[in-house]
Every structure is written in structure tokens, then in C-alpha cells.
All heavy atoms as atom14 arrays in JSON, in Angstrom:
{
  "sequence": "GVDSAYSISALLNKKLIEEAGRLNVPGRPIQYRTTADFLRTFGLSSLE",
  "atom14_mask": [
    [1, 1, 1, 1, 0, 0, 0, 0, 0, 0, 0, 0, 0, 0],
    [1, 1, 1, 1, 1, 1, 1, 0, 0, 0, 0, 0, 0, 0],
    [1, 1, 1, 1, 1, 1, 1, 1, 0, 0, 0, 0, 0, 0],
    [1, 1, 1, 1, 1, 1, 0, 0, 0, 0, 0, 0, 0, 0],
    [1, 1, 1, 1, 1, 0, 0, 0, 0, 0, 0, 0, 0, 0],
    [1, 1, 1, 1, 1, 1, 1, 1, 1, 1, 1, 1, 0, 0],
    [1, 1, 1, 1, 1, 1, 0, 0, 0, 0, 0, 0, 0, 0],
    [1, 1, 1, 1, 1, 1, 1, 1, 0, 0, 0, 0, 0, 0],
    [1, 1, 1, 1, 1, 1, 0, 0, 0, 0, 0, 0, 0, 0],
    [1, 1, 1, 1, 1, 0, 0, 0, 0, 0, 0, 0, 0, 0],
    [1, 1, 1, 1, 1, 1, 1, 1, 0, 0, 0, 0, 0, 0],
    [1, 1, 1, 1, 1, 1, 1, 1, 0, 0, 0, 0, 0, 0],
    [1, 1, 1, 1, 1, 1, 1, 1, 0, 0, 0, 0, 0, 0],
    [1, 1, 1, 1, 1, 1, 1, 1, 1, 0, 0, 0, 0, 0],
    [1, 1, 1, 1, 1, 1, 1, 1, 1, 0, 0, 0, 0, 0],
    [1, 1, 1, 1, 1, 1, 1, 1, 0, 0, 0, 0, 0, 0],
    [1, 1, 1, 1, 1, 1, 1, 1, 0, 0, 0, 0, 0, 0],
    [1, 1, 1, 1, 1, 1, 1, 1, 1, 0, 0, 0, 0, 0],
    [1, 1, 1, 1, 1, 1, 1, 1, 1, 0, 0, 0, 0, 0],
    [1, 1, 1, 1, 1, 0, 0, 0, 0, 0, 0, 0, 0, 0],
    [1, 1, 1, 1, 0, 0, 0, 0, 0, 0, 0, 0, 0, 0],
    [1, 1, 1, 1, 1, 1, 1, 1, 1, 1, 1, 0, 0, 0],
    [1, 1, 1, 1, 1, 1, 1, 1, 0, 0, 0, 0, 0, 0],
    [1, 1, 1, 1, 1, 1, 1, 1, 0, 0, 0, 0, 0, 0],
    [1, 1, 1, 1, 1, 1, 1, 0, 0, 0, 0, 0, 0, 0],
    [1, 1, 1, 1, 1, 1, 1, 0, 0, 0, 0, 0, 0, 0],
    [1, 1, 1, 1, 0, 0, 0, 0, 0, 0, 0, 0, 0, 0],
    [1, 1, 1, 1, 1, 1, 1, 1, 1, 1, 1, 0, 0, 0],
    [1, 1, 1, 1, 1, 1, 1, 0, 0, 0, 0, 0, 0, 0],
    [1, 1, 1, 1, 1, 1, 1, 1, 0, 0, 0, 0, 0, 0],
    [1, 1, 1, 1, 1, 1, 1, 1, 1, 0, 0, 0, 0, 0],
    [1, 1, 1, 1, 1, 1, 1, 1, 1, 1, 1, 1, 0, 0],
    [1, 1, 1, 1, 1, 1, 1, 1, 1, 1, 1, 0, 0, 0],
    [1, 1, 1, 1, 1, 1, 1, 0, 0, 0, 0, 0, 0, 0],
    [1, 1, 1, 1, 1, 1, 1, 0, 0, 0, 0, 0, 0, 0],
    [1, 1, 1, 1, 1, 0, 0, 0, 0, 0, 0, 0, 0, 0],
    [1, 1, 1, 1, 1, 1, 1, 1, 0, 0, 0, 0, 0, 0],
    [1, 1, 1, 1, 1, 1, 1, 1, 1, 1, 1, 0, 0, 0],
    [1, 1, 1, 1, 1, 1, 1, 1, 0, 0, 0, 0, 0, 0],
    [1, 1, 1, 1, 1, 1, 1, 1, 1, 1, 1, 0, 0, 0],
    [1, 1, 1, 1, 1, 1, 1, 0, 0, 0, 0, 0, 0, 0],
    [1, 1, 1, 1, 1, 1, 1, 1, 1, 1, 1, 0, 0, 0],
    [1, 1, 1, 1, 0, 0, 0, 0, 0, 0, 0, 0, 0, 0],
    [1, 1, 1, 1, 1, 1, 1, 1, 0, 0, 0, 0, 0, 0],
    [1, 1, 1, 1, 1, 1, 0, 0, 0, 0, 0, 0, 0, 0],
    [1, 1, 1, 1, 1, 1, 0, 0, 0, 0, 0, 0, 0, 0],
    [1, 1, 1, 1, 1, 1, 1, 1, 0, 0, 0, 0, 0, 0],
    [1, 1, 1, 1, 1, 1, 1, 1, 1, 0, 0, 0, 0, 0]
  ],
  "atom14_positions": [
    [[218.85, 18.47, 300.63], [220.21, 18.92, 299.91], [220.13, 20.35, 299.33], [221.08, 20.7, 298.51], [0.0, 0.0, 0.0], [0.0, 0.0, 0.0], [0.0, 0.0, 0.0], [0.0, 0.0, 0.0], [0.0, 0.0, 0.0], [0.0, 0.0, 0.0], [0.0, 0.0, 0.0], [0.0, 0.0, 0.0], [0.0, 0.0, 0.0], [0.0, 0.0, 0.0]],
    [[219.13, 21.14, 299.53], [218.92, 22.32, 298.94], [218.29, 23.25, 300.07], [217.71, 22.8, 300.99], [218.04, 22.37, 297.63], [218.77, 21.46, 296.59], [216.65, 21.89, 297.96], [0.0, 0.0, 0.0], [0.0, 0.0, 0.0], [0.0, 0.0, 0.0], [0.0, 0.0, 0.0], [0.0, 0.0, 0.0], [0.0, 0.0, 0.0], [0.0, 0.0, 0.0]],
    [[218.34, 24.59, 299.68], [217.76, 25.51, 300.68], [216.3, 25.32, 300.58], [215.63, 25.21, 299.54], [218.04, 27.06, 300.13], [217.36, 28.06, 300.94], [217.63, 28.11, 302.18], [216.62, 28.85, 300.35], [0.0, 0.0, 0.0], [0.0, 0.0, 0.0], [0.0, 0.0, 0.0], [0.0, 0.0, 0.0], [0.0, 0.0, 0.0], [0.0, 0.0, 0.0]],
    [[215.61, 25.39, 301.76], [214.19, 25.12, 301.8], [213.4, 26.28, 302.44], [212.25, 26.06, 302.87], [213.96, 23.8, 302.69], [214.56, 22.78, 302.04], [0.0, 0.0, 0.0], [0.0, 0.0, 0.0], [0.0, 0.0, 0.0], [0.0, 0.0, 0.0], [0.0, 0.0, 0.0], [0.0, 0.0, 0.0], [0.0, 0.0, 0.0], [0.0, 0.0, 0.0]],
    [[214.06, 27.42, 302.57], [213.3, 28.58, 303.19], [212.04, 28.93, 302.52], [210.97, 29.2, 303.22], [214.27, 29.8, 303.16], [0.0, 0.0, 0.0], [0.0, 0.0, 0.0], [0.0, 0.0, 0.0], [0.0, 0.0, 0.0], [0.0, 0.0, 0.0], [0.0, 0.0, 0.0], [0.0, 0.0, 0.0], [0.0, 0.0, 0.0], [0.0, 0.0, 0.0]],
    [[211.99, 28.97, 301.17], [210.73, 29.27, 300.44], [209.61, 28.23, 300.71], [208.52, 28.62, 300.95], [211.05, 29.55, 298.92], [209.84, 29.65, 298.18], [209.24, 30.99, 298.21], [209.09, 28.61, 297.47], [207.95, 31.21, 297.47], [207.92, 28.87, 296.85], [207.33, 30.26, 296.91], [206.21, 30.41, 296.21], [0.0, 0.0, 0.0], [0.0, 0.0, 0.0]],
    [[210.04, 26.97, 300.63], [209.05, 25.96, 300.88], [208.47, 26.02, 302.29], [207.24, 25.9, 302.43], [209.68, 24.46, 300.6], [209.99, 24.4, 299.15], [0.0, 0.0, 0.0], [0.0, 0.0, 0.0], [0.0, 0.0, 0.0], [0.0, 0.0, 0.0], [0.0, 0.0, 0.0], [0.0, 0.0, 0.0], [0.0, 0.0, 0.0], [0.0, 0.0, 0.0]],
    [[209.33, 26.24, 303.24], [208.74, 26.22, 304.62], [207.91, 27.5, 304.77], [206.75, 27.43, 305.29], [209.93, 26.34, 305.61], [210.67, 24.95, 305.68], [209.48, 26.77, 306.97], [211.92, 24.73, 306.55], [0.0, 0.0, 0.0], [0.0, 0.0, 0.0], [0.0, 0.0, 0.0], [0.0, 0.0, 0.0], [0.0, 0.0, 0.0], [0.0, 0.0, 0.0]],
    [[208.29, 28.61, 304.24], [207.43, 29.84, 304.3], [206.08, 29.62, 303.52], [205.0, 29.99, 304.05], [208.11, 31.03, 303.6], [207.41, 32.16, 303.49], [0.0, 0.0, 0.0], [0.0, 0.0, 0.0], [0.0, 0.0, 0.0], [0.0, 0.0, 0.0], [0.0, 0.0, 0.0], [0.0, 0.0, 0.0], [0.0, 0.0, 0.0], [0.0, 0.0, 0.0]],
    [[206.07, 28.94, 302.35], [204.86, 28.73, 301.71], [203.91, 27.7, 302.5], [202.68, 28.0, 302.5], [205.2, 28.09, 300.27], [0.0, 0.0, 0.0], [0.0, 0.0, 0.0], [0.0, 0.0, 0.0], [0.0, 0.0, 0.0], [0.0, 0.0, 0.0], [0.0, 0.0, 0.0], [0.0, 0.0, 0.0], [0.0, 0.0, 0.0], [0.0, 0.0, 0.0]],
    [[204.58, 26.73, 303.07], [203.69, 25.88, 303.87], [203.19, 26.45, 305.15], [202.02, 26.17, 305.58], [204.63, 24.63, 304.23], [204.88, 23.73, 303.11], [206.02, 22.68, 303.63], [203.72, 23.02, 302.47], [0.0, 0.0, 0.0], [0.0, 0.0, 0.0], [0.0, 0.0, 0.0], [0.0, 0.0, 0.0], [0.0, 0.0, 0.0], [0.0, 0.0, 0.0]],
    [[203.93, 27.41, 305.69], [203.46, 28.18, 306.91], [202.29, 28.98, 306.36], [201.14, 29.05, 307.04], [204.41, 29.07, 307.46], [205.61, 28.46, 308.39], [206.72, 29.37, 308.55], [204.96, 27.96, 309.66], [0.0, 0.0, 0.0], [0.0, 0.0, 0.0], [0.0, 0.0, 0.0], [0.0, 0.0, 0.0], [0.0, 0.0, 0.0], [0.0, 0.0, 0.0]],
    [[202.34, 29.65, 305.26], [201.27, 30.55, 304.7], [200.03, 29.69, 304.38], [198.89, 30.28, 304.62], [201.76, 31.28, 303.39], [202.65, 32.42, 303.83], [202.66, 32.89, 304.85], [203.54, 32.64, 302.82], [0.0, 0.0, 0.0], [0.0, 0.0, 0.0], [0.0, 0.0, 0.0], [0.0, 0.0, 0.0], [0.0, 0.0, 0.0], [0.0, 0.0, 0.0]],
    [[200.18, 28.51, 303.99], [199.02, 27.59, 303.64], [198.52, 26.99, 304.86], [197.58, 26.3, 304.82], [199.36, 26.65, 302.64], [199.71, 27.18, 301.33], [200.21, 26.33, 300.4], [200.46, 27.05, 298.95], [201.31, 26.27, 297.9], [0.0, 0.0, 0.0], [0.0, 0.0, 0.0], [0.0, 0.0, 0.0], [0.0, 0.0, 0.0], [0.0, 0.0, 0.0]],
    [[199.12, 27.21, 306.08], [198.68, 26.63, 307.42], [198.71, 25.21, 307.4], [198.04, 24.42, 308.13], [197.41, 27.21, 307.78], [197.31, 28.64, 307.82], [196.05, 29.25, 308.53], [195.9, 30.72, 308.68], [196.9, 31.54, 308.62], [0.0, 0.0, 0.0], [0.0, 0.0, 0.0], [0.0, 0.0, 0.0], [0.0, 0.0, 0.0], [0.0, 0.0, 0.0]],
    [[199.74, 24.57, 306.56], [199.8, 23.1, 306.73], [200.9, 22.69, 307.77], [200.9, 21.62, 308.13], [200.4, 22.61, 305.26], [199.29, 22.71, 304.2], [199.78, 22.32, 302.86], [197.99, 21.88, 304.43], [0.0, 0.0, 0.0], [0.0, 0.0, 0.0], [0.0, 0.0, 0.0], [0.0, 0.0, 0.0], [0.0, 0.0, 0.0], [0.0, 0.0, 0.0]],
    [[201.82, 23.76, 308.09], [202.69, 23.46, 309.15], [202.73, 24.77, 310.12], [202.21, 25.76, 309.75], [204.23, 23.25, 308.72], [204.69, 24.51, 307.94], [204.24, 21.98, 307.82], [206.22, 24.37, 307.56], [0.0, 0.0, 0.0], [0.0, 0.0, 0.0], [0.0, 0.0, 0.0], [0.0, 0.0, 0.0], [0.0, 0.0, 0.0], [0.0, 0.0, 0.0]],
    [[203.21, 24.65, 311.28], [203.27, 25.68, 312.24], [204.55, 25.51, 313.08], [205.09, 24.51, 313.11], [202.09, 25.66, 313.14], [202.02, 24.41, 314.08], [200.7, 24.29, 314.81], [199.77, 25.11, 314.65], [200.6, 23.32, 315.53], [0.0, 0.0, 0.0], [0.0, 0.0, 0.0], [0.0, 0.0, 0.0], [0.0, 0.0, 0.0], [0.0, 0.0, 0.0]],
    [[204.9, 26.65, 313.74], [206.02, 26.62, 314.62], [205.55, 25.7, 315.9], [204.54, 25.84, 316.38], [206.5, 27.99, 314.99], [207.0, 28.87, 313.95], [207.51, 30.21, 314.38], [207.56, 30.42, 315.55], [207.85, 31.03, 313.45], [0.0, 0.0, 0.0], [0.0, 0.0, 0.0], [0.0, 0.0, 0.0], [0.0, 0.0, 0.0], [0.0, 0.0, 0.0]],
    [[206.62, 25.0, 316.26], [206.5, 24.11, 317.49], [207.58, 24.33, 318.49], [208.03, 23.48, 319.07], [206.54, 22.66, 316.98], [0.0, 0.0, 0.0], [0.0, 0.0, 0.0], [0.0, 0.0, 0.0], [0.0, 0.0, 0.0], [0.0, 0.0, 0.0], [0.0, 0.0, 0.0], [0.0, 0.0, 0.0], [0.0, 0.0, 0.0], [0.0, 0.0, 0.0]],
    [[207.83, 25.63, 318.71], [208.95, 25.83, 319.68], [210.34, 25.95, 319.07], [210.44, 26.02, 317.85], [0.0, 0.0, 0.0], [0.0, 0.0, 0.0], [0.0, 0.0, 0.0], [0.0, 0.0, 0.0], [0.0, 0.0, 0.0], [0.0, 0.0, 0.0], [0.0, 0.0, 0.0], [0.0, 0.0, 0.0], [0.0, 0.0, 0.0], [0.0, 0.0, 0.0]],
    [[211.23, 26.03, 319.9], [212.68, 26.21, 319.44], [213.48, 24.96, 320.04], [213.3, 24.54, 321.18], [213.31, 27.43, 319.93], [212.64, 28.63, 319.05], [213.38, 29.96, 319.38], [212.75, 30.99, 318.62], [213.29, 31.35, 317.34], [214.31, 30.71, 316.88], [212.77, 32.29, 316.76], [0.0, 0.0, 0.0], [0.0, 0.0, 0.0], [0.0, 0.0, 0.0]],
    [[214.49, 24.59, 319.29], [215.35, 23.56, 319.71], [216.37, 24.2, 320.8], [216.8, 25.23, 320.53], [216.15, 22.93, 318.5], [216.86, 21.67, 318.65], [215.88, 20.5, 319.23], [217.39, 21.17, 317.36], [0.0, 0.0, 0.0], [0.0, 0.0, 0.0], [0.0, 0.0, 0.0], [0.0, 0.0, 0.0], [0.0, 0.0, 0.0], [0.0, 0.0, 0.0]],
    [[216.69, 23.36, 321.75], [217.5, 23.83, 322.87], [218.98, 23.5, 322.49], [219.59, 22.74, 323.13], [217.07, 23.29, 324.14], [217.7, 23.88, 325.3], [218.18, 25.09, 325.26], [217.7, 23.34, 326.49], [0.0, 0.0, 0.0], [0.0, 0.0, 0.0], [0.0, 0.0, 0.0], [0.0, 0.0, 0.0], [0.0, 0.0, 0.0], [0.0, 0.0, 0.0]],
    [[219.49, 24.25, 321.41], [220.89, 24.23, 321.03], [221.3, 25.53, 320.65], [220.45, 26.41, 320.59], [221.11, 23.12, 319.88], [220.75, 21.74, 320.15], [220.25, 23.61, 318.6], [0.0, 0.0, 0.0], [0.0, 0.0, 0.0], [0.0, 0.0, 0.0], [0.0, 0.0, 0.0], [0.0, 0.0, 0.0], [0.0, 0.0, 0.0], [0.0, 0.0, 0.0]],
    [[222.59, 25.78, 320.48], [223.06, 27.06, 320.09], [222.35, 27.6, 318.81], [222.18, 26.87, 317.93], [224.59, 26.92, 319.85], [224.89, 25.72, 320.72], [223.63, 24.88, 320.66], [0.0, 0.0, 0.0], [0.0, 0.0, 0.0], [0.0, 0.0, 0.0], [0.0, 0.0, 0.0], [0.0, 0.0, 0.0], [0.0, 0.0, 0.0], [0.0, 0.0, 0.0]],
    [[221.81, 28.75, 318.84], [221.14, 29.48, 317.74], [219.63, 29.29, 318.0], [218.84, 29.88, 317.25], [0.0, 0.0, 0.0], [0.0, 0.0, 0.0], [0.0, 0.0, 0.0], [0.0, 0.0, 0.0], [0.0, 0.0, 0.0], [0.0, 0.0, 0.0], [0.0, 0.0, 0.0], [0.0, 0.0, 0.0], [0.0, 0.0, 0.0], [0.0, 0.0, 0.0]],
    [[219.25, 28.31, 318.84], [217.93, 28.11, 319.1], [217.01, 28.07, 317.86], [215.98, 28.95, 317.76], [217.3, 29.01, 320.18], [218.17, 29.04, 321.27], [217.53, 29.04, 322.71], [216.28, 29.15, 322.81], [215.42, 28.21, 323.33], [215.87, 27.09, 323.65], [214.1, 28.44, 323.58], [0.0, 0.0, 0.0], [0.0, 0.0, 0.0], [0.0, 0.0, 0.0]],
    [[217.22, 27.16, 316.81], [216.4, 27.1, 315.61], [215.06, 26.78, 315.9], [214.55, 26.04, 316.85], [217.15, 26.09, 314.71], [217.82, 25.12, 315.76], [218.14, 26.0, 316.89], [0.0, 0.0, 0.0], [0.0, 0.0, 0.0], [0.0, 0.0, 0.0], [0.0, 0.0, 0.0], [0.0, 0.0, 0.0], [0.0, 0.0, 0.0], [0.0, 0.0, 0.0]],
    [[214.09, 27.29, 315.02], [212.54, 26.97, 315.06], [212.32, 25.57, 314.73], [212.9, 25.12, 313.71], [211.84, 28.05, 314.16], [212.06, 29.43, 314.73], [210.34, 27.73, 314.25], [211.5, 30.47, 313.71], [0.0, 0.0, 0.0], [0.0, 0.0, 0.0], [0.0, 0.0, 0.0], [0.0, 0.0, 0.0], [0.0, 0.0, 0.0], [0.0, 0.0, 0.0]],
    [[211.47, 24.94, 315.42], [211.08, 23.59, 315.09], [209.67, 23.73, 314.44], [208.87, 24.61, 314.89], [210.86, 22.71, 316.25], [212.28, 22.44, 316.96], [212.22, 21.48, 318.05], [211.43, 21.76, 319.01], [212.78, 20.34, 317.96], [0.0, 0.0, 0.0], [0.0, 0.0, 0.0], [0.0, 0.0, 0.0], [0.0, 0.0, 0.0], [0.0, 0.0, 0.0]],
    [[209.31, 22.87, 313.42], [208.08, 22.86, 312.72], [207.34, 21.45, 312.89], [207.92, 20.48, 313.04], [208.29, 23.17, 311.25], [208.89, 24.48, 311.03], [210.28, 24.63, 310.82], [208.23, 25.68, 311.03], [210.86, 25.84, 310.52], [208.8, 26.95, 310.85], [210.14, 26.99, 310.62], [210.76, 28.13, 310.53], [0.0, 0.0, 0.0], [0.0, 0.0, 0.0]],
    [[206.0, 21.67, 312.91], [205.06, 20.41, 312.98], [203.84, 20.65, 312.07], [203.64, 21.81, 311.57], [204.74, 20.11, 314.34], [203.72, 21.16, 314.92], [203.28, 20.83, 316.34], [202.49, 21.96, 316.88], [202.66, 22.42, 318.19], [203.44, 21.68, 318.9], [201.87, 23.36, 318.47], [0.0, 0.0, 0.0], [0.0, 0.0, 0.0], [0.0, 0.0, 0.0]],
    [[203.31, 19.61, 311.62], [202.02, 19.77, 310.81], [200.94, 20.23, 311.62], [200.93, 20.08, 312.91], [201.76, 18.32, 310.19], [201.53, 17.29, 311.17], [202.77, 17.95, 309.19], [0.0, 0.0, 0.0], [0.0, 0.0, 0.0], [0.0, 0.0, 0.0], [0.0, 0.0, 0.0], [0.0, 0.0, 0.0], [0.0, 0.0, 0.0], [0.0, 0.0, 0.0]],
    [[199.86, 20.73, 311.02], [198.68, 21.24, 311.65], [197.46, 20.25, 311.45], [197.51, 19.42, 310.71], [198.34, 22.59, 311.08], [198.04, 22.49, 309.6], [199.55, 23.51, 311.26], [0.0, 0.0, 0.0], [0.0, 0.0, 0.0], [0.0, 0.0, 0.0], [0.0, 0.0, 0.0], [0.0, 0.0, 0.0], [0.0, 0.0, 0.0], [0.0, 0.0, 0.0]],
    [[196.43, 20.74, 312.07], [195.12, 20.07, 311.84], [194.68, 20.27, 310.36], [194.05, 19.38, 309.77], [194.02, 20.61, 312.8], [0.0, 0.0, 0.0], [0.0, 0.0, 0.0], [0.0, 0.0, 0.0], [0.0, 0.0, 0.0], [0.0, 0.0, 0.0], [0.0, 0.0, 0.0], [0.0, 0.0, 0.0], [0.0, 0.0, 0.0], [0.0, 0.0, 0.0]],
    [[194.96, 21.48, 309.71], [194.63, 21.61, 308.38], [195.45, 20.64, 307.44], [194.83, 20.14, 306.44], [195.16, 23.08, 307.83], [194.2, 24.2, 308.4], [193.12, 23.73, 308.93], [194.52, 25.28, 308.43], [0.0, 0.0, 0.0], [0.0, 0.0, 0.0], [0.0, 0.0, 0.0], [0.0, 0.0, 0.0], [0.0, 0.0, 0.0], [0.0, 0.0, 0.0]],
    [[196.69, 20.29, 307.83], [197.38, 19.16, 307.13], [196.64, 17.94, 307.13], [196.35, 17.24, 306.18], [198.79, 18.98, 307.76], [199.47, 17.7, 307.41], [200.15, 17.73, 306.05], [199.45, 16.64, 308.21], [200.75, 16.51, 305.67], [200.09, 15.39, 307.74], [200.67, 15.51, 306.53], [0.0, 0.0, 0.0], [0.0, 0.0, 0.0], [0.0, 0.0, 0.0]],
    [[196.12, 17.5, 308.37], [195.4, 16.26, 308.46], [194.07, 16.26, 307.53], [193.76, 15.48, 306.92], [194.98, 15.97, 309.96], [196.19, 15.78, 310.84], [195.71, 15.6, 312.31], [196.99, 14.49, 310.5], [0.0, 0.0, 0.0], [0.0, 0.0, 0.0], [0.0, 0.0, 0.0], [0.0, 0.0, 0.0], [0.0, 0.0, 0.0], [0.0, 0.0, 0.0]],
    [[193.41, 17.46, 307.72], [192.08, 17.66, 306.89], [192.48, 17.65, 305.49], [191.67, 16.88, 304.75], [191.47, 18.98, 307.4], [190.01, 18.98, 307.3], [189.33, 20.24, 307.79], [190.27, 21.34, 308.24], [190.63, 21.58, 309.49], [190.36, 20.9, 310.44], [191.42, 22.71, 309.72], [0.0, 0.0, 0.0], [0.0, 0.0, 0.0], [0.0, 0.0, 0.0]],
    [[193.39, 18.33, 304.97], [193.7, 18.34, 303.59], [194.04, 16.97, 302.97], [193.64, 16.73, 301.88], [194.99, 19.35, 303.29], [194.67, 20.55, 303.85], [195.32, 19.38, 301.92], [0.0, 0.0, 0.0], [0.0, 0.0, 0.0], [0.0, 0.0, 0.0], [0.0, 0.0, 0.0], [0.0, 0.0, 0.0], [0.0, 0.0, 0.0], [0.0, 0.0, 0.0]],
    [[194.77, 16.14, 303.76], [195.17, 14.83, 303.32], [194.11, 13.69, 303.79], [194.4, 12.57, 303.55], [196.63, 14.57, 303.69], [197.52, 15.49, 302.86], [198.02, 16.58, 303.45], [197.98, 15.01, 301.65], [198.82, 17.5, 302.6], [198.8, 15.89, 300.93], [199.28, 17.04, 301.3], [0.0, 0.0, 0.0], [0.0, 0.0, 0.0], [0.0, 0.0, 0.0]],
    [[193.17, 14.06, 304.46], [192.03, 13.12, 304.77], [192.55, 12.2, 305.87], [192.15, 10.97, 305.78], [0.0, 0.0, 0.0], [0.0, 0.0, 0.0], [0.0, 0.0, 0.0], [0.0, 0.0, 0.0], [0.0, 0.0, 0.0], [0.0, 0.0, 0.0], [0.0, 0.0, 0.0], [0.0, 0.0, 0.0], [0.0, 0.0, 0.0], [0.0, 0.0, 0.0]],
    [[193.41, 12.71, 306.76], [193.87, 11.84, 307.93], [193.18, 12.05, 309.16], [192.96, 13.26, 309.51], [195.51, 11.99, 307.93], [196.28, 11.84, 306.67], [197.7, 12.3, 306.99], [196.24, 10.28, 306.36], [0.0, 0.0, 0.0], [0.0, 0.0, 0.0], [0.0, 0.0, 0.0], [0.0, 0.0, 0.0], [0.0, 0.0, 0.0], [0.0, 0.0, 0.0]],
    [[193.06, 11.09, 309.93], [192.58, 11.29, 311.44], [193.74, 11.8, 312.25], [193.44, 12.45, 313.29], [191.99, 9.91, 311.89], [190.92, 9.71, 311.13], [0.0, 0.0, 0.0], [0.0, 0.0, 0.0], [0.0, 0.0, 0.0], [0.0, 0.0, 0.0], [0.0, 0.0, 0.0], [0.0, 0.0, 0.0], [0.0, 0.0, 0.0], [0.0, 0.0, 0.0]],
    [[194.84, 10.95, 312.07], [196.01, 11.35, 312.94], [197.2, 11.05, 312.16], [197.22, 10.4, 311.08], [195.98, 10.64, 314.21], [196.2, 9.29, 314.0], [0.0, 0.0, 0.0], [0.0, 0.0, 0.0], [0.0, 0.0, 0.0], [0.0, 0.0, 0.0], [0.0, 0.0, 0.0], [0.0, 0.0, 0.0], [0.0, 0.0, 0.0], [0.0, 0.0, 0.0]],
    [[198.42, 11.35, 312.81], [199.75, 11.16, 312.01], [199.92, 9.66, 311.88], [200.71, 9.21, 311.03], [200.88, 11.84, 312.77], [200.79, 13.33, 312.73], [201.94, 13.9, 313.55], [200.97, 13.85, 311.24], [0.0, 0.0, 0.0], [0.0, 0.0, 0.0], [0.0, 0.0, 0.0], [0.0, 0.0, 0.0], [0.0, 0.0, 0.0], [0.0, 0.0, 0.0]],
    [[199.41, 8.86, 312.77], [199.44, 7.31, 312.61], [199.01, 6.92, 311.33], [199.24, 5.73, 311.02], [198.86, 6.68, 313.83], [199.58, 6.79, 315.2], [199.36, 8.11, 315.79], [198.33, 8.67, 315.83], [200.38, 8.68, 316.34], [0.0, 0.0, 0.0], [0.0, 0.0, 0.0], [0.0, 0.0, 0.0], [0.0, 0.0, 0.0], [0.0, 0.0, 0.0]]
  ]
}
């Protein structure tokens, strides 16, 4: 419910998320996914 540009930028800089391509809709927005650093930081083996 609020602008999240700063948070996404900060998470990209911390390498917790990364770009995962673009959505195939008008404007082709960037999609984001978590990284291996995210898993390591939170002590997870996988997203499951």
C-alpha cells in the first residue's frame, strides 16, 4: 500500500534479491526473486 522503490533498491544493493527478467505485459516491468545470499543470510537450504 506504499511506494517500495527505496526498499527494492536497498535489497538489490544488499544482494538479497535480484532481477529475474521482465513480465510479458505492457511496460514490461522487472520481476524480482531472492538470491543465494538471501538463503544464506536466513539459514535456509531452499525456499521450501
